[in-house]
Amino acid sequence: MKAAAGTSPTSWYTANDDVQHIAYVGTDQAIHEAFFRFAPGGFRWEHNIPSTGQINAASRTSPTSWYTANDDVQHIAYVGTDQQIHEAFFRFAPGGFRWEHNIPSAGHVKVAAGTSPTSWVTPADNVQHIAYVGADQQIHEAFFRFTPGGFRWEHNIPSAGHVKVAAGTSPTSWYTANDDVQHIAYVGTDQQIHEAFFRFAPGGFRWEHNIPSAGQEKAAAGTSPTSWVTRSDNVQHIAYIGLDQQIHEAFFQFAPGGFRWEHNIPSAEHVKVAAGTSPTSWVTRSDNVQHIAYVGTDHQIQEAFFRLPGEDLSLDYFTFAGDISAANREKLIDRHKFALSRVSGCNNLSPEERRRLRQTYNRPIYHTTLNNPNANGSARVGGSQLNVNFGVLFPQGDEEISQTLIHEMMHCAGFTHPTRRDPPPGSSCAEPNPVVFDCPNDNGMYYGTPPLRAEFCIAGDQSDVISRLESKAGEESCVIDEDGVATIHTTI
C-alpha cells in the first residue's frame, strides 16, 4: 500500500528479535507497518496493518512510535478520524502475536486538525508519554503508568497558563537522563519556540516553561521543530525553520555562571528551506556527529552536520532480558567498558575494525540468558543480540568475561571466522603449522581473524595473553552454525 499524501513515517527497532520497523499512513488511511527481519532463505521486508478493525488515521497526520523494553511491547500512536489519539500496540501474548488497540486521549480534549503527536518513555518511573496539540491549541499529554489496581492512561496539560500552539504545527519531545527531566518544544502563536519541561522538584512535580528562541529569529508559519540530545557534552538541541527560511538551532548547555539557551544557524550560506516543510534530526554516536536534514528550495534533501571531538559511548542503548539480575547487568556493563577501553588502545585491530566495533557498541544490543551448559556465550554475525551463560562464564572471572564479550561483539559488528582446526595426531602447537591447523598467535585462518585478535587486547602484556589463549585452546572454541550464530563452546 502506498503512503497517503501529506504524511510522514515513523520507525523503531526491536533488539530482542533484531527486527526493523517502519509505520506509515496508507492511501486507505490505515496504519501500515513494514518490518525487516533476517529470515531463513534470505532477508526481506514484510507487511502488516496494525490498525486493522480500528479507526482510520485522520488525513494529513503522521504517527509516532516507541518501544517498552520491560514488557517487550511495540507502540504506534496516531490521530484518528474521530480526532482522538489512538494506540496500536503489539505484544507477544499466549496464543499468538497480535496488534491490540487503545484510545489514550479518551475523555479528554480532542486533537487539533492537521497536527501529529510526539512520544517518549521515562525509564526512571517506567511511564509512557504522548504529547499532542488539542483543539484548544494547548499541549496535552496522555501518560500511561503501571499503578496498583490497574493500568491506565492519565492526562495533563503541559502548556497550561502559557502561550498556545500555532495552528498547523506539531510538537517535538526529548528526555534528559542526567537530570531526569522531560521536555516538549512547540511553536507558539507568537511564532517563538516554547518549551514545557517537567522535573521532580522539592514540594511537588510540575511542568515549567521556557522560550528557547527568545531574542532570536522567529519560526516560520506552518512548520514544526525537531530535537535531540548530545550526551558527550550534555547539551539539548532544538532545530526549527526561521522566517528567513534558514535552519535555526537553539541549544541549551550547563555553562559556568548559569544555564542558558544559545543560538546558531546550521544552514547559513547554504540552500534555504522550502516553504511549509519541517526538519528532522539525529546523532551518530560512533563518530559523535549531529545531523539535521531538510528539504531545500531546490527540492533536494539538504544536510547540516556538526562534529564534536571525542566519542559518546555510555552503553545506555544496551537492553537486558528480565531474568538478568541487577548485579549481573552491572557486571556486564563493567566488563563491556573494560573490554572496549583495552581495544581502543590496542594495535591488534585496524582503525577500520575498531571503528566498526565502536559503532556496534552504539547500537541497542539486547542481552539474554544462554542455557547451553557447554557454552560461554553466543551472538549472530551482524546481529544485535548477545546471549550469556552466567552460570558457566561468570565463575571463570573478569578476564574471561571481557574476552567472551569482545569476541561476540566483534561478531555483532559483522566479523566472522572459520571453525578452528585442531592439531592432527602427532602434531601440537609446540610446533605451529598454520597451513594445517590453528594455534594461538599464529595469525592464521582462525586466530588471525578480528574476533580472535580482539581477545588478545584484553589482559596483561602480550606474553600473558598468549599464555592464556594457549591454555584456553584446549578448553574452548567458537563455532558459527548455518544460521550465522557464533557460539563459544567450552569443556570447562
Protein backbone atom coordinates (compact mmCIF):
# COMPACT_ATOMS: atom_id res chain seq x y z
CA MET A 1 0.00 0.00 0.00
CA LYS A 2 1.32 3.46 -0.92
CA ALA A 3 1.66 6.28 1.62
CA ALA A 4 -1.02 8.94 1.90
CA ALA A 5 -0.20 12.46 0.72
CA GLY A 6 0.98 14.94 3.32
CA THR A 7 2.12 12.33 5.84
CA SER A 8 5.47 11.11 7.16
CA PRO A 9 6.61 7.73 8.54
CA THR A 10 7.87 6.77 12.00
CA SER A 11 10.34 4.00 12.82
CA TRP A 12 11.70 1.86 15.66
CA TYR A 13 13.90 -1.16 16.31
CA THR A 14 13.30 -4.24 18.48
CA ALA A 15 16.63 -5.61 19.67
CA ASN A 16 15.33 -8.86 21.14
CA ASP A 17 14.38 -10.20 17.70
CA ASP A 18 16.66 -7.92 15.65
CA VAL A 19 13.79 -6.50 13.57
CA GLN A 20 13.47 -3.05 11.99
CA HIS A 21 10.05 -1.40 11.72
CA ILE A 22 8.51 1.48 9.73
CA ALA A 23 4.92 2.62 10.24
CA TYR A 24 3.05 4.95 7.89
CA VAL A 25 -0.42 6.08 6.85
CA GLY A 26 -1.52 4.35 3.67
CA THR A 27 -3.75 5.75 0.95
CA ASP A 28 -6.55 3.77 2.60
CA GLN A 29 -5.89 5.88 5.77
CA ALA A 30 -4.99 2.74 7.73
CA ILE A 31 -1.70 2.41 9.66
CA HIS A 32 0.65 0.12 7.75
CA GLU A 33 3.86 -1.45 9.01
CA ALA A 34 6.85 -2.62 7.00
CA PHE A 35 9.20 -4.78 9.06
CA PHE A 36 12.54 -6.28 8.10
CA ARG A 37 13.88 -9.46 9.60
CA PHE A 38 16.73 -11.83 8.91
CA ALA A 39 14.70 -14.89 7.90
CA PRO A 40 15.88 -18.33 6.72
CA GLY A 41 16.26 -18.21 2.97
CA GLY A 42 17.02 -14.51 2.77
CA PHE A 43 16.36 -11.05 4.15
CA ARG A 44 13.05 -9.39 3.35
CA TRP A 45 10.64 -6.60 4.19
CA GLU A 46 7.28 -7.94 5.33
CA HIS A 47 3.96 -6.17 5.87
CA ASN A 48 1.27 -5.72 8.48
CA ILE A 49 -1.71 -3.41 9.15
CA PRO A 50 -1.61 -2.58 12.88
CA SER A 51 -4.85 -0.55 12.78
CA THR A 52 -6.94 -3.31 11.20
CA GLY A 53 -10.51 -3.22 12.53
CA GLN A 54 -9.94 0.12 14.25
CA ILE A 55 -10.48 3.80 13.49
CA ASN A 56 -8.53 5.04 10.44
CA ALA A 57 -5.96 7.82 10.63
CA ALA A 58 -7.04 11.41 10.03
CA SER A 59 -5.85 12.95 6.78
CA ARG A 60 -2.52 14.75 6.67
CA THR A 61 -1.36 13.49 10.06
CA SER A 62 1.60 11.25 10.86
CA PRO A 63 2.10 8.55 13.51
CA THR A 64 4.67 8.36 16.32
CA SER A 65 6.14 5.18 17.82
CA TRP A 66 8.05 3.83 20.81
CA TYR A 67 9.12 0.56 22.39
CA THR A 68 8.89 -0.51 26.04
CA ALA A 69 11.67 -3.00 26.78
CA ASN A 70 10.41 -4.04 30.21
CA ASP A 71 7.33 -5.75 28.73
CA ASP A 72 8.63 -6.18 25.16
CA VAL A 73 5.77 -4.20 23.60
CA GLN A 74 5.77 -2.07 20.44
CA HIS A 75 3.55 1.01 20.26
CA ILE A 76 2.21 3.25 17.48
CA ALA A 77 0.09 6.32 18.26
CA TYR A 78 -1.86 8.23 15.63
CA VAL A 79 -4.69 10.71 15.23
CA GLY A 80 -7.92 9.01 14.22
CA THR A 81 -10.70 10.36 12.05
CA ASP A 82 -12.57 10.98 15.33
CA GLN A 83 -9.70 13.37 16.31
CA GLN A 84 -8.73 11.14 19.22
CA ILE A 85 -5.27 9.71 19.89
CA HIS A 86 -5.36 6.00 19.05
CA GLU A 87 -2.71 3.47 20.02
CA ALA A 88 -1.90 0.20 18.30
CA PHE A 89 0.32 -1.96 20.48
CA PHE A 90 1.90 -5.31 19.72
CA ARG A 91 2.73 -7.86 22.34
CA PHE A 92 3.81 -11.47 22.36
CA ALA A 93 0.71 -12.90 24.04
CA PRO A 94 -0.22 -16.50 24.89
CA GLY A 95 -1.96 -17.99 21.89
CA GLY A 96 -0.27 -15.83 19.29
CA PHE A 97 1.13 -12.43 18.37
CA ARG A 98 -1.32 -9.61 17.76
CA TRP A 99 -1.79 -5.86 17.48
CA GLU A 100 -4.19 -4.57 20.12
CA HIS A 101 -5.87 -1.19 20.48
CA ASN A 102 -6.35 1.65 22.95
CA ILE A 103 -7.52 5.29 22.94
CA PRO A 104 -5.11 7.23 25.19
CA SER A 105 -6.96 10.57 24.81
CA ALA A 106 -10.42 9.14 25.60
CA GLY A 107 -12.42 11.52 27.74
CA HIS A 108 -10.09 14.46 27.15
CA VAL A 109 -9.69 17.28 24.64
CA LYS A 110 -9.56 16.09 21.05
CA VAL A 111 -6.66 16.65 18.69
CA ALA A 112 -6.35 19.76 16.55
CA ALA A 113 -6.84 19.07 12.83
CA GLY A 114 -3.69 18.63 10.75
CA THR A 115 -1.36 18.00 13.70
CA SER A 116 0.61 14.93 14.76
CA PRO A 117 1.66 13.59 18.18
CA THR A 118 5.10 13.01 19.68
CA SER A 119 6.06 10.32 22.22
CA TRP A 120 8.73 9.30 24.72
CA VAL A 121 9.40 6.92 27.62
CA THR A 122 10.85 7.83 31.02
CA PRO A 123 12.88 4.83 32.25
CA ALA A 124 13.16 6.10 35.83
CA ASP A 125 9.44 5.53 36.51
CA ASN A 126 8.58 3.25 33.56
CA VAL A 127 5.98 5.67 32.17
CA GLN A 128 4.94 6.13 28.51
CA HIS A 129 4.04 9.60 27.25
CA ILE A 130 2.23 11.03 24.22
CA ALA A 131 2.01 14.79 23.66
CA TYR A 132 -0.34 16.35 21.14
CA VAL A 133 -1.96 19.66 20.21
CA GLY A 134 -5.54 19.82 21.40
CA ALA A 135 -8.48 21.50 19.71
CA ASP A 136 -7.98 24.25 22.32
CA GLN A 137 -4.43 24.82 20.91
CA GLN A 138 -2.86 23.66 24.18
CA ILE A 139 -0.23 20.93 24.52
CA HIS A 140 -1.93 17.89 26.04
CA GLU A 141 -0.18 14.85 27.47
CA ALA A 142 -1.52 11.33 27.81
CA PHE A 143 0.72 9.25 30.08
CA PHE A 144 0.48 5.58 30.96
CA ARG A 145 1.78 4.14 34.16
CA PHE A 146 1.64 0.75 35.84
CA THR A 147 -0.29 1.58 39.03
CA PRO A 148 -1.63 -0.62 41.82
CA GLY A 149 -5.16 -1.66 40.94
CA GLY A 150 -4.74 -1.40 37.19
CA PHE A 151 -3.02 0.20 34.24
CA ARG A 152 -4.43 3.40 32.84
CA TRP A 153 -3.79 6.40 30.62
CA GLU A 154 -3.86 9.65 32.59
CA HIS A 155 -3.89 13.25 31.40
CA ASN A 156 -2.06 16.55 31.81
CA ILE A 157 -1.80 19.95 30.05
CA PRO A 158 1.92 20.86 29.96
CA SER A 159 1.36 24.26 28.30
CA ALA A 160 -1.37 25.40 30.72
CA GLY A 161 -1.01 29.09 31.55
CA HIS A 162 1.44 29.74 28.72
CA VAL A 163 1.36 30.75 25.06
CA LYS A 164 -0.81 28.46 22.96
CA VAL A 165 0.35 26.44 19.95
CA ALA A 166 0.39 27.96 16.47
CA ALA A 167 -2.14 26.45 14.08
CA GLY A 168 -0.95 23.61 11.85
CA THR A 169 2.18 22.80 13.87
CA SER A 170 3.18 19.75 15.91
CA PRO A 171 5.41 19.37 18.99
CA THR A 172 8.71 17.56 19.48
CA SER A 173 9.93 15.90 22.68
CA TRP A 174 13.04 14.57 24.40
CA TYR A 175 14.26 13.29 27.75
CA THR A 176 17.47 14.18 29.60
CA ALA A 177 18.55 11.24 31.75
CA ASN A 178 21.21 13.10 33.73
CA ASP A 179 18.63 15.28 35.49
CA ASP A 180 15.53 13.10 34.86
CA VAL A 181 13.67 15.89 33.03
CA GLN A 182 11.07 15.59 30.25
CA HIS A 183 10.85 18.25 27.54
CA ILE A 184 8.30 19.29 24.91
CA ALA A 185 9.03 22.07 22.39
CA TYR A 186 6.45 23.70 20.15
CA VAL A 187 5.84 26.78 18.02
CA GLY A 188 3.64 29.27 19.87
CA THR A 189 1.08 31.66 18.45
CA ASP A 190 3.78 34.33 18.83
CA GLN A 191 5.97 32.25 16.42
CA GLN A 192 8.53 31.67 19.17
CA ILE A 193 9.82 28.25 20.17
CA HIS A 194 8.35 27.40 23.58
CA GLU A 195 9.45 24.63 25.90
CA ALA A 196 7.44 22.88 28.59
CA PHE A 197 9.69 20.83 30.88
CA PHE A 198 8.78 18.56 33.75
CA ARG A 199 11.02 17.87 36.69
CA PHE A 200 10.67 16.16 40.03
CA ALA A 201 11.13 19.23 42.23
CA PRO A 202 11.02 19.55 46.03
CA GLY A 203 7.47 20.35 47.06
CA GLY A 204 5.82 18.71 44.09
CA PHE A 205 6.01 17.75 40.42
CA ARG A 206 5.25 20.42 37.86
CA TRP A 207 5.55 21.46 34.24
CA GLU A 208 7.66 24.60 33.89
CA HIS A 209 8.17 26.88 30.92
CA ASN A 210 10.89 28.48 28.83
CA ILE A 211 11.28 30.26 25.46
CA PRO A 212 14.40 28.83 23.79
CA SER A 213 14.18 31.15 20.76
CA ALA A 214 13.78 34.35 22.80
CA GLY A 215 15.67 37.19 21.14
CA GLN A 216 16.34 35.16 18.01
CA GLU A 217 14.67 34.57 14.65
CA LYS A 218 11.04 33.52 14.96
CA ALA A 219 9.67 30.30 13.48
CA ALA A 220 8.08 30.22 10.04
CA ALA A 221 4.33 29.65 9.95
CA GLY A 222 3.12 26.08 9.45
CA THR A 223 6.41 24.44 10.41
CA SER A 224 7.35 22.20 13.36
CA PRO A 225 10.62 21.82 15.31
CA THR A 226 12.85 18.78 15.82
CA SER A 227 15.04 17.98 18.85
CA TRP A 228 17.94 15.86 20.06
CA VAL A 229 20.43 15.50 22.92
CA THR A 230 24.20 15.07 22.71
CA ARG A 231 25.29 13.16 25.79
CA SER A 232 29.03 13.66 25.34
CA ASP A 233 28.67 17.35 26.23
CA ASN A 234 25.24 17.19 27.95
CA VAL A 235 23.63 19.66 25.53
CA GLN A 236 19.99 19.83 24.37
CA HIS A 237 19.16 21.00 20.85
CA ILE A 238 16.08 22.26 19.02
CA ALA A 239 16.17 22.97 15.28
CA TYR A 240 13.45 24.95 13.52
CA ILE A 241 12.83 26.94 10.35
CA GLY A 242 13.03 30.68 10.77
CA LEU A 243 11.13 33.43 8.97
CA ASP A 244 14.25 33.79 6.82
CA GLN A 245 13.83 30.14 5.63
CA GLN A 246 17.09 29.15 7.32
CA ILE A 247 17.55 26.30 9.81
CA HIS A 248 17.99 27.82 13.27
CA GLU A 249 19.20 25.97 16.33
CA ALA A 250 18.53 26.75 19.96
CA PHE A 251 20.88 24.78 22.21
CA PHE A 252 20.98 24.58 25.98
CA GLN A 253 24.18 23.98 27.87
CA PHE A 254 25.04 23.93 31.55
CA ALA A 255 27.57 26.75 31.48
CA PRO A 256 29.57 28.33 34.34
CA GLY A 257 27.55 31.19 35.75
CA GLY A 258 24.15 29.79 34.83
CA PHE A 259 22.04 27.77 32.40
CA ARG A 260 21.06 29.34 29.11
CA TRP A 261 19.71 28.71 25.62
CA GLU A 262 22.14 29.81 22.92
CA HIS A 263 21.69 30.14 19.17
CA ASN A 264 23.16 29.00 15.88
CA ILE A 265 22.23 28.91 12.16
CA PRO A 266 23.27 25.47 10.82
CA SER A 267 22.15 26.20 7.24
CA ALA A 268 23.90 29.58 6.98
CA GLU A 269 25.36 30.19 3.50
CA HIS A 270 23.68 27.08 2.14
CA VAL A 271 20.44 26.33 0.28
CA LYS A 272 17.42 27.67 2.16
CA VAL A 273 14.46 25.61 3.33
CA ALA A 274 11.41 25.00 1.16
CA ALA A 275 8.26 26.71 2.43
CA GLY A 276 5.86 24.63 4.51
CA THR A 277 8.33 21.86 5.39
CA SER A 278 9.92 20.83 8.69
CA PRO A 279 13.35 19.36 9.52
CA THR A 280 14.37 16.07 11.14
CA SER A 281 17.47 15.33 13.22
CA TRP A 282 19.64 12.56 14.66
CA VAL A 283 23.03 11.85 16.25
CA THR A 284 25.53 9.20 15.15
CA ARG A 285 27.23 8.23 18.35
CA SER A 286 30.10 6.26 16.83
CA ASP A 287 31.63 9.48 15.49
CA ASN A 288 29.73 11.93 17.74
CA VAL A 289 28.21 13.86 14.84
CA GLN A 290 24.90 15.73 14.87
CA HIS A 291 22.75 15.83 11.75
CA ILE A 292 19.82 17.94 10.54
CA ALA A 293 18.08 17.08 7.27
CA TYR A 294 15.64 19.37 5.50
CA VAL A 295 14.03 19.99 2.11
CA GLY A 296 15.79 22.81 0.28
CA THR A 297 14.27 25.35 -2.08
CA ASP A 298 15.84 23.22 -4.85
CA HIS A 299 13.66 20.34 -3.57
CA GLN A 300 16.73 18.33 -2.68
CA ILE A 301 17.34 16.84 0.78
CA GLN A 302 19.99 19.01 2.39
CA GLU A 303 22.01 18.00 5.46
CA ALA A 304 23.74 20.20 8.00
CA PHE A 305 26.07 18.17 10.23
CA PHE A 306 28.21 19.19 13.18
CA ARG A 307 31.24 17.30 14.50
CA LEU A 308 32.25 17.24 18.15
CA PRO A 309 35.58 15.95 19.48
CA GLY A 310 35.56 12.67 21.35
CA GLU A 311 33.06 9.88 21.32
CA ASP A 312 29.94 9.15 23.35
CA LEU A 313 29.83 5.52 24.46
CA SER A 314 27.56 5.37 27.50
CA LEU A 315 26.18 1.93 26.52
CA ASP A 316 22.74 3.12 27.60
CA TYR A 317 21.32 1.72 24.36
CA PHE A 318 22.03 -1.76 25.75
CA THR A 319 18.97 -3.68 26.93
CA PHE A 320 18.59 -6.77 29.09
CA ALA A 321 16.11 -9.62 29.44
CA GLY A 322 14.02 -9.50 32.59
CA ASP A 323 15.64 -12.62 34.08
CA ILE A 324 19.10 -10.97 34.23
CA SER A 325 19.70 -9.73 37.78
CA ALA A 326 20.77 -6.16 38.55
CA ALA A 327 24.17 -7.44 39.75
CA ASN A 328 24.74 -9.35 36.52
CA ARG A 329 23.70 -6.31 34.46
CA GLU A 330 26.25 -4.17 36.31
CA LYS A 331 28.93 -6.79 35.77
CA LEU A 332 28.17 -6.99 32.03
CA ILE A 333 28.34 -3.20 31.63
CA ASP A 334 31.59 -3.06 33.62
CA ARG A 335 33.21 -5.83 31.57
CA HIS A 336 31.99 -4.32 28.28
CA LYS A 337 33.51 -0.96 29.19
CA PHE A 338 36.77 -2.57 30.26
CA ALA A 339 36.99 -4.60 27.05
CA LEU A 340 36.25 -1.57 24.90
CA SER A 341 38.83 0.56 26.72
CA ARG A 342 41.51 -2.08 26.11
CA VAL A 343 40.62 -2.48 22.45
CA SER A 344 40.74 1.30 21.90
CA GLY A 345 44.44 1.38 22.69
CA CYS A 346 45.34 -1.97 21.14
CA ASN A 347 47.10 -2.32 17.79
CA ASN A 348 45.80 -5.85 17.17
CA LEU A 349 42.84 -4.34 15.33
CA SER A 350 42.98 -1.98 12.37
CA PRO A 351 41.41 1.51 12.62
CA GLU A 352 38.51 0.32 10.44
CA GLU A 353 37.95 -2.75 12.64
CA ARG A 354 37.96 -0.59 15.77
CA ARG A 355 35.55 1.87 14.13
CA ARG A 356 33.09 -0.88 13.28
CA LEU A 357 33.31 -2.28 16.79
CA ARG A 358 32.69 1.12 18.40
CA GLN A 359 29.79 1.65 16.01
CA THR A 360 28.30 -1.64 17.21
CA TYR A 361 28.69 -0.54 20.83
CA ASN A 362 26.40 2.37 19.97
CA ARG A 363 23.62 0.03 18.82
CA PRO A 364 20.81 -1.31 21.02
CA ILE A 365 22.41 -4.67 21.88
CA TYR A 366 19.91 -6.94 23.65
CA HIS A 367 21.37 -9.29 26.30
CA THR A 368 19.70 -12.58 27.13
CA THR A 369 20.48 -15.67 29.22
CA LEU A 370 22.03 -18.64 27.41
CA ASN A 371 21.26 -22.02 28.98
CA ASN A 372 23.59 -24.22 26.92
CA PRO A 373 25.73 -25.91 29.65
CA ASN A 374 28.69 -26.20 27.28
CA ALA A 375 28.90 -22.59 26.11
CA ASN A 376 30.10 -19.24 27.43
CA GLY A 377 28.03 -17.10 25.08
CA SER A 378 26.73 -16.64 21.55
CA ALA A 379 25.72 -13.96 19.04
CA ARG A 380 24.56 -13.85 15.44
CA VAL A 381 27.05 -12.45 12.93
CA GLY A 382 25.78 -8.94 12.14
CA GLY A 383 23.03 -9.25 14.75
CA SER A 384 22.10 -7.19 17.81
CA GLN A 385 21.59 -9.84 20.47
CA LEU A 386 24.25 -11.24 22.82
CA ASN A 387 23.44 -14.39 24.80
CA VAL A 388 25.41 -15.04 28.00
CA ASN A 389 25.66 -18.20 30.10
CA PHE A 390 26.07 -16.59 33.51
CA GLY A 391 26.47 -19.89 35.36
CA VAL A 392 29.31 -21.05 33.12
CA LEU A 393 31.03 -17.81 32.10
CA PHE A 394 30.96 -15.66 35.24
CA PRO A 395 32.76 -18.16 37.51
CA GLN A 396 35.70 -18.05 35.07
CA GLY A 397 36.49 -14.48 36.18
CA ASP A 398 36.57 -10.93 34.85
CA GLU A 399 39.23 -11.56 32.23
CA GLU A 400 37.34 -14.38 30.56
CA ILE A 401 34.07 -12.42 30.73
CA SER A 402 35.65 -9.50 28.86
CA GLN A 403 37.25 -11.76 26.28
CA THR A 404 33.95 -13.53 25.60
CA LEU A 405 32.04 -10.25 25.35
CA ILE A 406 34.53 -8.60 23.00
CA HIS A 407 34.66 -11.73 20.83
CA GLU A 408 30.87 -11.86 20.48
CA MET A 409 30.62 -8.10 19.94
CA MET A 410 33.03 -8.47 17.02
CA HIS A 411 30.57 -10.97 15.58
CA CYS A 412 27.74 -8.45 16.08
CA ALA A 413 29.94 -5.99 14.17
CA GLY A 414 29.82 -8.39 11.24
CA PHE A 415 33.19 -10.12 11.58
CA THR A 416 33.43 -13.89 11.18
CA HIS A 417 35.96 -16.73 11.25
CA PRO A 418 36.17 -20.37 10.15
CA THR A 419 35.84 -23.31 12.52
CA ARG A 420 39.08 -23.85 14.40
CA ARG A 421 41.25 -26.71 13.15
CA ASP A 422 42.84 -28.71 15.96
CA PRO A 423 46.30 -30.28 15.57
CA PRO A 424 46.13 -33.75 13.98
CA PRO A 425 47.62 -36.75 15.83
CA GLY A 426 51.36 -36.37 16.22
CA SER A 427 51.25 -32.56 15.95
CA SER A 428 50.89 -29.80 18.56
CA CYS A 429 51.08 -26.05 18.97
CA ALA A 430 54.62 -26.51 20.24
CA GLU A 431 55.44 -26.58 16.52
CA PRO A 432 52.73 -24.47 14.80
CA ASN A 433 51.75 -25.16 11.21
CA PRO A 434 49.07 -22.58 10.25
CA VAL A 435 48.62 -24.22 6.84
CA VAL A 436 47.31 -27.40 8.53
CA PHE A 437 45.98 -26.43 11.99
CA ASP A 438 45.32 -23.39 14.17
CA CYS A 439 47.34 -22.23 17.16
CA PRO A 440 47.19 -19.03 19.28
CA ASN A 441 49.23 -16.16 17.85
CA ASP A 442 49.83 -17.91 14.51
CA ASN A 443 47.96 -15.11 12.66
CA GLY A 444 46.33 -17.86 10.65
CA MET A 445 42.87 -18.62 9.35
CA TYR A 446 41.26 -18.71 12.82
CA TYR A 447 43.40 -16.76 15.29
CA GLY A 448 44.21 -14.14 12.68
CA THR A 449 40.57 -13.04 12.38
CA PRO A 450 39.22 -9.89 14.11
CA PRO A 451 37.19 -11.68 16.85
CA LEU A 452 40.24 -13.64 17.99
CA ARG A 453 42.67 -10.75 17.59
CA ALA A 454 40.34 -8.64 19.75
CA GLU A 455 40.72 -11.16 22.56
CA PHE A 456 44.47 -10.52 22.58
CA CYS A 457 43.76 -6.94 23.66
CA ILE A 458 42.12 -7.79 26.95
CA ALA A 459 44.58 -8.95 29.60
CA GLY A 460 48.10 -8.16 30.77
CA ASP A 461 51.05 -7.91 28.45
CA GLN A 462 51.26 -9.77 25.19
CA SER A 463 53.06 -12.81 26.63
CA ASP A 464 50.40 -13.15 29.35
CA VAL A 465 47.65 -13.08 26.74
CA ILE A 466 49.38 -15.63 24.53
CA SER A 467 49.89 -17.93 27.51
CA ARG A 468 46.24 -17.62 28.48
CA LEU A 469 44.96 -18.23 24.96
CA GLU A 470 47.22 -21.25 24.65
CA SER A 471 45.72 -22.70 27.81
CA LYS A 472 42.22 -21.88 26.53
CA ALA A 473 42.83 -23.55 23.17
CA GLY A 474 42.06 -26.99 24.56
CA GLU A 475 39.09 -25.78 26.57
CA GLU A 476 37.01 -23.69 24.18
CA SER A 477 36.43 -22.74 20.56
CA CYS A 478 33.89 -20.65 18.66
CA VAL A 479 31.74 -22.31 16.01
CA ILE A 480 29.41 -20.48 13.61
CA ASP A 481 26.38 -22.52 12.56
CA GLU A 482 24.43 -22.42 9.30
CA ASP A 483 22.16 -19.65 10.68
CA GLY A 484 25.14 -17.37 11.39
CA VAL A 485 25.04 -17.85 15.18
CA ALA A 486 28.53 -17.87 16.68
CA THR A 487 28.81 -19.83 19.96
CA ILE A 488 31.87 -20.07 22.18
CA HIS A 489 31.83 -23.72 23.26
CA THR A 490 33.69 -24.77 26.40
CA THR A 491 34.65 -28.05 28.01
CA ILE A 492 35.13 -26.49 31.47
